[in-house]
Amino acid sequence: MANLSKTASRLDAFIDLMGPVIGVMLLAVGIETYRNGGSMGWPIAGAVLLVINSWVAWRRLARRRNPIPSP
């Protein structure tokens, strides 16, 4: 029988790691758009999104590694 708690935990970690991947993709598209004469806002938005998503993923994965003991 499958352990649903373990499967859900792995799926949650995978979703946490997809945020930085999307940030990198937006940054790459933003840089390419800027090189082709687009707005400087796209690379800035991509960089901000990448930093925020990386920070959120780092916090959530660190919390998952060191669980807080329940009283």
C-alpha atoms as a PDB file:
ATOM      1  CA  MET A   1       0.000   0.000   0.000  1.00  0.00           C
ATOM      2  CA  ALA A   2       1.311   3.454  -0.884  1.00  0.00           C
ATOM      3  CA  ASN A   3       2.203   5.856   1.891  1.00  0.00           C
ATOM      4  CA  LEU A   4       0.149   8.925   0.942  1.00  0.00           C
ATOM      5  CA  SER A   5       1.886  11.192   3.445  1.00  0.00           C
ATOM      6  CA  LYS A   6       5.299  10.455   1.936  1.00  0.00           C
ATOM      7  CA  THR A   7       3.969  10.911  -1.600  1.00  0.00           C
ATOM      8  CA  ALA A   8       2.339  14.234  -0.701  1.00  0.00           C
ATOM      9  CA  SER A   9       5.546  15.425   0.964  1.00  0.00           C
ATOM     10  CA  ARG A  10       7.606  14.624  -2.137  1.00  0.00           C
ATOM     11  CA  LEU A  11       5.051  16.298  -4.401  1.00  0.00           C
ATOM     12  CA  ASP A  12       5.107  19.398  -2.187  1.00  0.00           C
ATOM     13  CA  ALA A  13       8.918  19.530  -2.374  1.00  0.00           C
ATOM     14  CA  PHE A  14       8.767  19.188  -6.161  1.00  0.00           C
ATOM     15  CA  ILE A  15       6.313  22.075  -6.411  1.00  0.00           C
ATOM     16  CA  ASP A  16       8.590  24.174  -4.170  1.00  0.00           C
ATOM     17  CA  LEU A  17      11.492  23.583  -6.557  1.00  0.00           C
ATOM     18  CA  MET A  18       9.467  24.528  -9.635  1.00  0.00           C
ATOM     19  CA  GLY A  19       9.324  28.193  -8.535  1.00  0.00           C
ATOM     20  CA  PRO A  20      13.033  28.883  -9.104  1.00  0.00           C
ATOM     21  CA  VAL A  21      12.871  27.005 -12.419  1.00  0.00           C
ATOM     22  CA  ILE A  22      10.080  29.299 -13.608  1.00  0.00           C
ATOM     23  CA  GLY A  23      12.081  32.307 -12.365  1.00  0.00           C
ATOM     24  CA  VAL A  24      15.121  31.246 -14.401  1.00  0.00           C
ATOM     25  CA  MET A  25      12.957  30.774 -17.486  1.00  0.00           C
ATOM     26  CA  LEU A  26      11.393  34.229 -17.109  1.00  0.00           C
ATOM     27  CA  LEU A  27      14.822  35.788 -16.544  1.00  0.00           C
ATOM     28  CA  ALA A  28      16.173  34.156 -19.709  1.00  0.00           C
ATOM     29  CA  VAL A  29      13.178  35.295 -21.756  1.00  0.00           C
ATOM     30  CA  GLY A  30      13.436  38.780 -20.240  1.00  0.00           C
ATOM     31  CA  ILE A  31      17.112  39.090 -21.147  1.00  0.00           C
ATOM     32  CA  GLU A  32      16.413  37.914 -24.685  1.00  0.00           C
ATOM     33  CA  THR A  33      13.532  40.371 -24.998  1.00  0.00           C
ATOM     34  CA  TYR A  34      15.716  43.207 -23.737  1.00  0.00           C
ATOM     35  CA  ARG A  35      18.468  42.339 -26.222  1.00  0.00           C
ATOM     36  CA  ASN A  36      15.898  42.519 -29.024  1.00  0.00           C
ATOM     37  CA  GLY A  37      14.867  46.042 -28.010  1.00  0.00           C
ATOM     38  CA  GLY A  38      12.245  45.307 -25.367  1.00  0.00           C
ATOM     39  CA  SER A  39      11.689  46.899 -22.004  1.00  0.00           C
ATOM     40  CA  MET A  40      14.245  46.667 -19.186  1.00  0.00           C
ATOM     41  CA  GLY A  41      11.352  45.685 -16.924  1.00  0.00           C
ATOM     42  CA  TRP A  42      11.299  42.066 -18.140  1.00  0.00           C
ATOM     43  CA  PRO A  43      14.790  41.105 -16.925  1.00  0.00           C
ATOM     44  CA  ILE A  44      14.187  42.983 -13.672  1.00  0.00           C
ATOM     45  CA  ALA A  45      10.887  41.151 -13.130  1.00  0.00           C
ATOM     46  CA  GLY A  46      12.571  37.823 -13.913  1.00  0.00           C
ATOM     47  CA  ALA A  47      15.401  38.509 -11.463  1.00  0.00           C
ATOM     48  CA  VAL A  48      12.996  39.568  -8.707  1.00  0.00           C
ATOM     49  CA  LEU A  49      10.833  36.501  -9.262  1.00  0.00           C
ATOM     50  CA  LEU A  50      13.880  34.234  -9.217  1.00  0.00           C
ATOM     51  CA  VAL A  51      15.187  35.691  -5.945  1.00  0.00           C
ATOM     52  CA  ILE A  52      11.807  35.512  -4.210  1.00  0.00           C
ATOM     53  CA  ASN A  53      11.060  31.961  -5.373  1.00  0.00           C
ATOM     54  CA  SER A  54      14.543  30.784  -4.398  1.00  0.00           C
ATOM     55  CA  TRP A  55      14.162  32.307  -0.937  1.00  0.00           C
ATOM     56  CA  VAL A  56      10.743  30.690  -0.417  1.00  0.00           C
ATOM     57  CA  ALA A  57      11.998  27.288  -1.611  1.00  0.00           C
ATOM     58  CA  TRP A  58      15.071  27.529   0.631  1.00  0.00           C
ATOM     59  CA  ARG A  59      12.960  28.329   3.694  1.00  0.00           C
ATOM     60  CA  ARG A  60      10.432  25.587   3.046  1.00  0.00           C
ATOM     61  CA  LEU A  61      13.016  22.908   2.290  1.00  0.00           C
ATOM     62  CA  ALA A  62      15.104  23.909   5.333  1.00  0.00           C
ATOM     63  CA  ARG A  63      12.015  23.664   7.542  1.00  0.00           C
ATOM     64  CA  ARG A  64      11.251  20.255   6.050  1.00  0.00           C
ATOM     65  CA  ARG A  65      14.768  19.017   6.902  1.00  0.00           C
ATOM     66  CA  ASN A  66      14.606  20.192  10.531  1.00  0.00           C
ATOM     67  CA  PRO A  67      11.073  19.534  11.760  1.00  0.00           C
ATOM     68  CA  ILE A  68       9.977  21.392  14.876  1.00  0.00           C
ATOM     69  CA  PRO A  69       9.221  18.915  17.675  1.00  0.00           C
ATOM     70  CA  SER A  70       5.618  19.044  18.823  1.00  0.00           C
ATOM     71  CA  PRO A  71       4.979  19.509  22.571  1.00  0.00           C
END
